[in-house]
């Protein structure tokens, strides 16, 4: 565990009407870590991320980012502070070009290094550079996932939250996306990765949390979880 905790969630509860979707979840992400949050579909992973990033109301609990409470703040403010999410379903601006989508990622910035950062994104995703004038809506799902990741990087995240980046992609593209996640992490970006592909997520991670029915049921070093018989039986098909 890193000493410097960037994101700390304590006793988080989220309800949809009378349905308790998240039931007192706690976890933390330290500087420089890649932490994976795994679990079956419907476990509450996406709802948790939405609550953390200000797009879902919180019923109870505390959320701290960079040592300060952020519960109730809008997503706009959180992005400016460096808490940035790549949403499930990618959410690209389909009628805008790749370049325009990346510029939107830097919308909260007022420094002079946006163009330089765009070149860095193009170095990570050469395919985006080749097609920089193409409309996002005409790209494949995998290409749009690359664009969503690139757009998030343009905001210069202190913590990058990724929601199901491999969902719906071909096996080749899944390999590419996980390769890029590993690369972004190796360059110093702190990442919270929500992913149904538990095996791949834990192979990349420093630590992991397992969610079931709105609760964290297990946590620990990723390698320990990867070798745990319960995790292997429930999520790795063994």
Protein backbone atom coordinates (compact mmCIF):
# COMPACT_ATOMS: atom_id res chain seq x y z
CA UNK A 1 0.00 0.00 0.00
CA UNK A 2 1.29 3.42 -0.98
CA UNK A 3 1.65 5.90 1.87
CA UNK A 4 0.13 8.78 -0.07
CA UNK A 5 -3.59 8.02 -0.43
CA UNK A 6 -5.09 10.01 -3.32
CA UNK A 7 -8.62 8.59 -3.23
CA UNK A 8 -10.36 7.24 -0.14
CA UNK A 9 -13.94 5.96 -0.07
CA UNK A 10 -15.51 5.08 3.31
CA UNK A 11 -18.90 3.45 3.91
CA UNK A 12 -20.30 4.50 0.54
CA UNK A 13 -24.02 3.81 0.06
CA UNK A 14 -26.01 4.47 -3.08
CA UNK A 15 -29.73 3.76 -3.55
CA UNK A 16 -32.01 3.78 -6.58
CA UNK A 17 -35.43 4.40 -5.07
CA UNK A 18 -35.83 1.67 -2.46
CA UNK A 19 -33.08 -0.50 -3.93
CA UNK A 20 -29.72 -0.37 -2.15
CA UNK A 21 -27.23 -0.69 -5.03
CA UNK A 22 -24.05 0.00 -3.01
CA UNK A 23 -24.06 -1.06 0.64
CA UNK A 24 -21.26 0.55 2.61
CA UNK A 25 -18.29 0.13 0.28
CA UNK A 26 -14.81 1.25 1.41
CA UNK A 27 -11.56 1.29 -0.59
CA UNK A 28 -8.54 3.47 -1.24
CA UNK A 29 -6.10 4.18 -4.04
CA UNK A 30 -2.54 5.27 -3.29
CA UNK A 31 -0.31 7.41 -5.47
CA UNK A 32 1.21 5.43 -8.33
CA UNK A 33 -0.99 2.38 -7.77
CA UNK A 34 -3.14 0.48 -10.22
CA UNK A 35 -6.09 -0.81 -8.20
CA UNK A 36 -8.67 -3.15 -9.76
CA UNK A 37 -12.29 -3.35 -8.67
CA UNK A 38 -13.69 -6.63 -9.97
CA UNK A 39 -17.03 -8.37 -9.74
CA UNK A 40 -19.87 -9.82 -11.77
CA UNK A 41 -22.28 -7.72 -13.81
CA UNK A 42 -24.68 -5.96 -11.41
CA UNK A 43 -22.28 -6.04 -8.44
CA UNK A 44 -22.38 -2.23 -8.12
CA UNK A 45 -19.00 -1.39 -9.66
CA UNK A 46 -20.20 1.21 -12.16
CA UNK A 47 -22.57 2.79 -9.63
CA UNK A 48 -19.62 3.13 -7.24
CA UNK A 49 -17.55 4.94 -9.87
CA UNK A 50 -20.43 7.24 -10.76
CA UNK A 51 -20.85 8.17 -7.10
CA UNK A 52 -17.12 8.86 -6.72
CA UNK A 53 -17.02 11.05 -9.84
CA UNK A 54 -20.08 13.13 -8.96
CA UNK A 55 -22.55 11.78 -11.52
CA UNK A 56 -24.62 9.74 -9.05
CA UNK A 57 -26.13 10.90 -5.76
CA UNK A 58 -24.63 9.43 -2.58
CA UNK A 59 -26.97 8.22 0.18
CA UNK A 60 -24.26 7.89 2.86
CA UNK A 61 -20.53 7.62 3.36
CA UNK A 62 -17.49 9.78 2.68
CA UNK A 63 -15.31 10.33 -0.38
CA UNK A 64 -11.93 12.05 -0.08
CA UNK A 65 -9.68 13.08 -2.96
CA UNK A 66 -6.22 14.52 -2.30
CA UNK A 67 -7.11 14.56 1.39
CA UNK A 68 -10.26 16.70 1.00
CA UNK A 69 -13.94 15.71 1.08
CA UNK A 70 -15.51 15.81 -2.39
CA UNK A 71 -18.94 14.25 -1.82
CA UNK A 72 -21.63 16.26 -3.59
CA UNK A 73 -19.26 18.09 -5.92
CA UNK A 74 -20.11 17.99 -9.61
CA UNK A 75 -18.07 16.07 -12.17
CA UNK A 76 -16.86 19.35 -13.71
CA UNK A 77 -15.14 20.41 -10.47
CA UNK A 78 -13.65 16.97 -9.92
CA UNK A 79 -12.14 16.82 -13.41
CA UNK A 80 -10.51 20.20 -12.78
CA UNK A 81 -8.99 18.74 -9.59
CA UNK A 82 -7.66 15.70 -11.47
CA UNK A 83 -10.27 12.99 -10.87
CA UNK A 84 -11.08 11.84 -14.40
CA UNK A 85 -13.18 8.91 -15.65
CA UNK A 86 -13.27 6.93 -18.89
CA UNK A 87 -16.93 5.91 -18.79
CA UNK A 88 -18.45 2.57 -19.70
CA UNK A 89 -19.69 2.82 -23.28
CA UNK A 90 -16.90 5.29 -24.09
CA UNK A 91 -19.11 8.41 -24.48
CA UNK A 92 -17.20 9.97 -27.38
CA UNK A 93 -18.60 13.01 -29.17
CA UNK A 94 -19.64 11.18 -32.32
CA UNK A 95 -20.14 14.21 -34.56
CA UNK A 96 -16.78 15.69 -33.68
CA UNK A 97 -13.40 14.69 -35.07
CA UNK A 98 -10.76 12.80 -33.11
CA UNK A 99 -8.79 16.03 -32.66
CA UNK A 100 -11.87 17.90 -31.42
CA UNK A 101 -12.66 15.10 -28.94
CA UNK A 102 -9.13 15.33 -27.55
CA UNK A 103 -9.42 19.11 -27.29
CA UNK A 104 -12.62 18.62 -25.27
CA UNK A 105 -10.58 16.52 -22.82
CA UNK A 106 -8.41 19.58 -22.21
CA UNK A 107 -11.40 21.95 -21.88
CA UNK A 108 -10.80 22.50 -18.15
CA UNK A 109 -7.18 23.50 -18.72
CA UNK A 110 -5.76 26.97 -19.37
CA UNK A 111 -2.06 26.17 -19.80
CA UNK A 112 0.10 26.24 -22.92
CA UNK A 113 0.90 22.53 -23.14
CA UNK A 114 -2.30 21.15 -24.65
CA UNK A 115 -0.76 20.61 -28.11
CA UNK A 116 2.25 18.86 -26.60
CA UNK A 117 -0.05 16.58 -24.61
CA UNK A 118 -2.04 15.79 -27.74
CA UNK A 119 1.18 14.62 -29.40
CA UNK A 120 1.82 12.37 -26.39
CA UNK A 121 -1.66 10.85 -26.84
CA UNK A 122 -0.93 10.34 -30.54
CA UNK A 123 2.31 8.56 -29.58
CA UNK A 124 0.33 6.18 -27.33
CA UNK A 125 -2.38 5.70 -29.98
CA UNK A 126 -0.81 6.02 -33.46
CA UNK A 127 -4.12 5.01 -35.05
CA UNK A 128 -5.73 8.18 -33.68
CA UNK A 129 -3.01 10.29 -35.26
CA UNK A 130 -3.55 8.64 -38.65
CA UNK A 131 -7.27 9.46 -38.43
CA UNK A 132 -7.20 12.73 -36.53
CA UNK A 133 -9.70 14.39 -38.92
CA UNK A 134 -12.15 11.47 -38.88
CA UNK A 135 -15.50 11.78 -37.09
CA UNK A 136 -15.54 9.75 -33.86
CA UNK A 137 -18.89 8.18 -34.74
CA UNK A 138 -17.41 6.46 -37.80
CA UNK A 139 -14.74 4.61 -35.80
CA UNK A 140 -14.84 1.04 -34.51
CA UNK A 141 -15.61 0.32 -30.86
CA UNK A 142 -11.95 -0.32 -30.11
CA UNK A 143 -10.87 2.91 -31.76
CA UNK A 144 -13.51 4.82 -29.81
CA UNK A 145 -12.20 3.24 -26.60
CA UNK A 146 -8.70 4.48 -27.47
CA UNK A 147 -10.17 7.94 -28.10
CA UNK A 148 -12.04 7.95 -24.76
CA UNK A 149 -8.79 7.01 -22.98
CA UNK A 150 -6.85 9.65 -24.89
CA UNK A 151 -9.47 12.30 -24.11
CA UNK A 152 -9.23 11.48 -20.39
CA UNK A 153 -5.43 11.76 -20.48
CA UNK A 154 -5.77 15.24 -21.99
CA UNK A 155 -7.27 16.36 -18.67
CA UNK A 156 -3.99 15.41 -16.94
CA UNK A 157 -5.59 13.07 -14.36
CA UNK A 158 -4.11 12.62 -10.92
CA UNK A 159 -6.33 9.53 -10.68
CA UNK A 160 -7.71 7.93 -13.84
CA UNK A 161 -10.85 5.86 -13.32
CA UNK A 162 -11.67 3.37 -16.07
CA UNK A 163 -15.04 1.63 -16.30
CA UNK A 164 -15.03 -1.66 -18.24
CA UNK A 165 -12.53 -0.59 -20.95
CA UNK A 166 -12.50 -4.05 -22.59
CA UNK A 167 -16.28 -4.46 -22.83
CA UNK A 168 -17.57 -5.46 -26.27
CA UNK A 169 -14.16 -5.45 -27.95
CA UNK A 170 -12.51 -8.10 -30.11
CA UNK A 171 -9.81 -10.25 -28.45
CA UNK A 172 -7.07 -8.43 -30.39
CA UNK A 173 -8.40 -5.04 -29.32
CA UNK A 174 -8.77 -6.23 -25.71
CA UNK A 175 -5.06 -7.12 -25.74
CA UNK A 176 -4.22 -3.67 -27.11
CA UNK A 177 -6.34 -1.84 -24.52
CA UNK A 178 -4.80 -3.72 -21.58
CA UNK A 179 -1.34 -3.12 -23.04
CA UNK A 180 -2.06 0.62 -23.11
CA UNK A 181 -3.45 0.59 -19.55
CA UNK A 182 -0.20 -1.04 -18.39
CA UNK A 183 1.82 1.52 -20.36
CA UNK A 184 -0.08 4.51 -18.94
CA UNK A 185 0.40 3.13 -15.42
CA UNK A 186 4.12 2.51 -15.97
CA UNK A 187 4.49 6.19 -16.90
CA UNK A 188 3.23 7.18 -13.44
CA UNK A 189 -0.55 7.58 -13.79
CA UNK A 190 -2.55 6.33 -10.80
CA UNK A 191 -5.44 4.15 -12.00
CA UNK A 192 -8.62 2.67 -10.56
CA UNK A 193 -9.75 -0.01 -13.03
CA UNK A 194 -13.26 -1.45 -12.94
CA UNK A 195 -13.34 -4.56 -15.08
CA UNK A 196 -15.37 -7.75 -15.54
CA UNK A 197 -12.32 -9.50 -17.03
CA UNK A 198 -11.01 -10.30 -13.56
CA UNK A 199 -7.97 -12.26 -14.68
CA UNK A 200 -6.59 -9.50 -16.93
CA UNK A 201 -7.44 -6.78 -14.42
CA UNK A 202 -5.66 -8.52 -11.53
CA UNK A 203 -2.63 -9.36 -13.67
CA UNK A 204 -2.12 -5.61 -14.20
CA UNK A 205 -2.99 -4.42 -10.71
CA UNK A 206 -1.01 -3.83 -7.52
CA UNK A 207 -4.09 -4.47 -5.37
CA UNK A 208 -7.67 -5.51 -5.89
CA UNK A 209 -11.13 -5.37 -4.36
CA UNK A 210 -13.90 -7.89 -5.09
CA UNK A 211 -17.48 -6.57 -5.14
CA UNK A 212 -20.56 -8.75 -4.76
CA UNK A 213 -24.15 -7.48 -4.49
CA UNK A 214 -23.08 -3.95 -3.61
CA UNK A 215 -20.44 -4.90 -1.01
CA UNK A 216 -16.68 -5.42 -0.98
CA UNK A 217 -16.27 -9.06 0.04
CA UNK A 218 -12.51 -9.48 -0.44
CA UNK A 219 -9.46 -7.29 -0.89
CA UNK A 220 -5.70 -7.64 -0.96
CA UNK A 221 -2.62 -7.77 -3.18
CA UNK A 222 -3.66 -8.57 -6.75
CA UNK A 223 -1.45 -11.66 -6.94
CA UNK A 224 -3.01 -13.08 -3.77
CA UNK A 225 -6.53 -12.55 -5.15
CA UNK A 226 -5.50 -14.03 -8.50
CA UNK A 227 -4.47 -17.24 -6.74
CA UNK A 228 -7.40 -17.36 -4.31
CA UNK A 229 -9.60 -20.46 -4.92
CA UNK A 230 -12.83 -18.50 -4.31
CA UNK A 231 -11.87 -15.79 -6.79
CA UNK A 232 -10.73 -18.39 -9.31
CA UNK A 233 -13.98 -20.31 -9.00
CA UNK A 234 -16.24 -17.25 -9.16
CA UNK A 235 -14.48 -15.09 -11.76
CA UNK A 236 -11.84 -17.09 -13.58
CA UNK A 237 -14.03 -20.07 -14.52
CA UNK A 238 -12.11 -22.63 -12.49
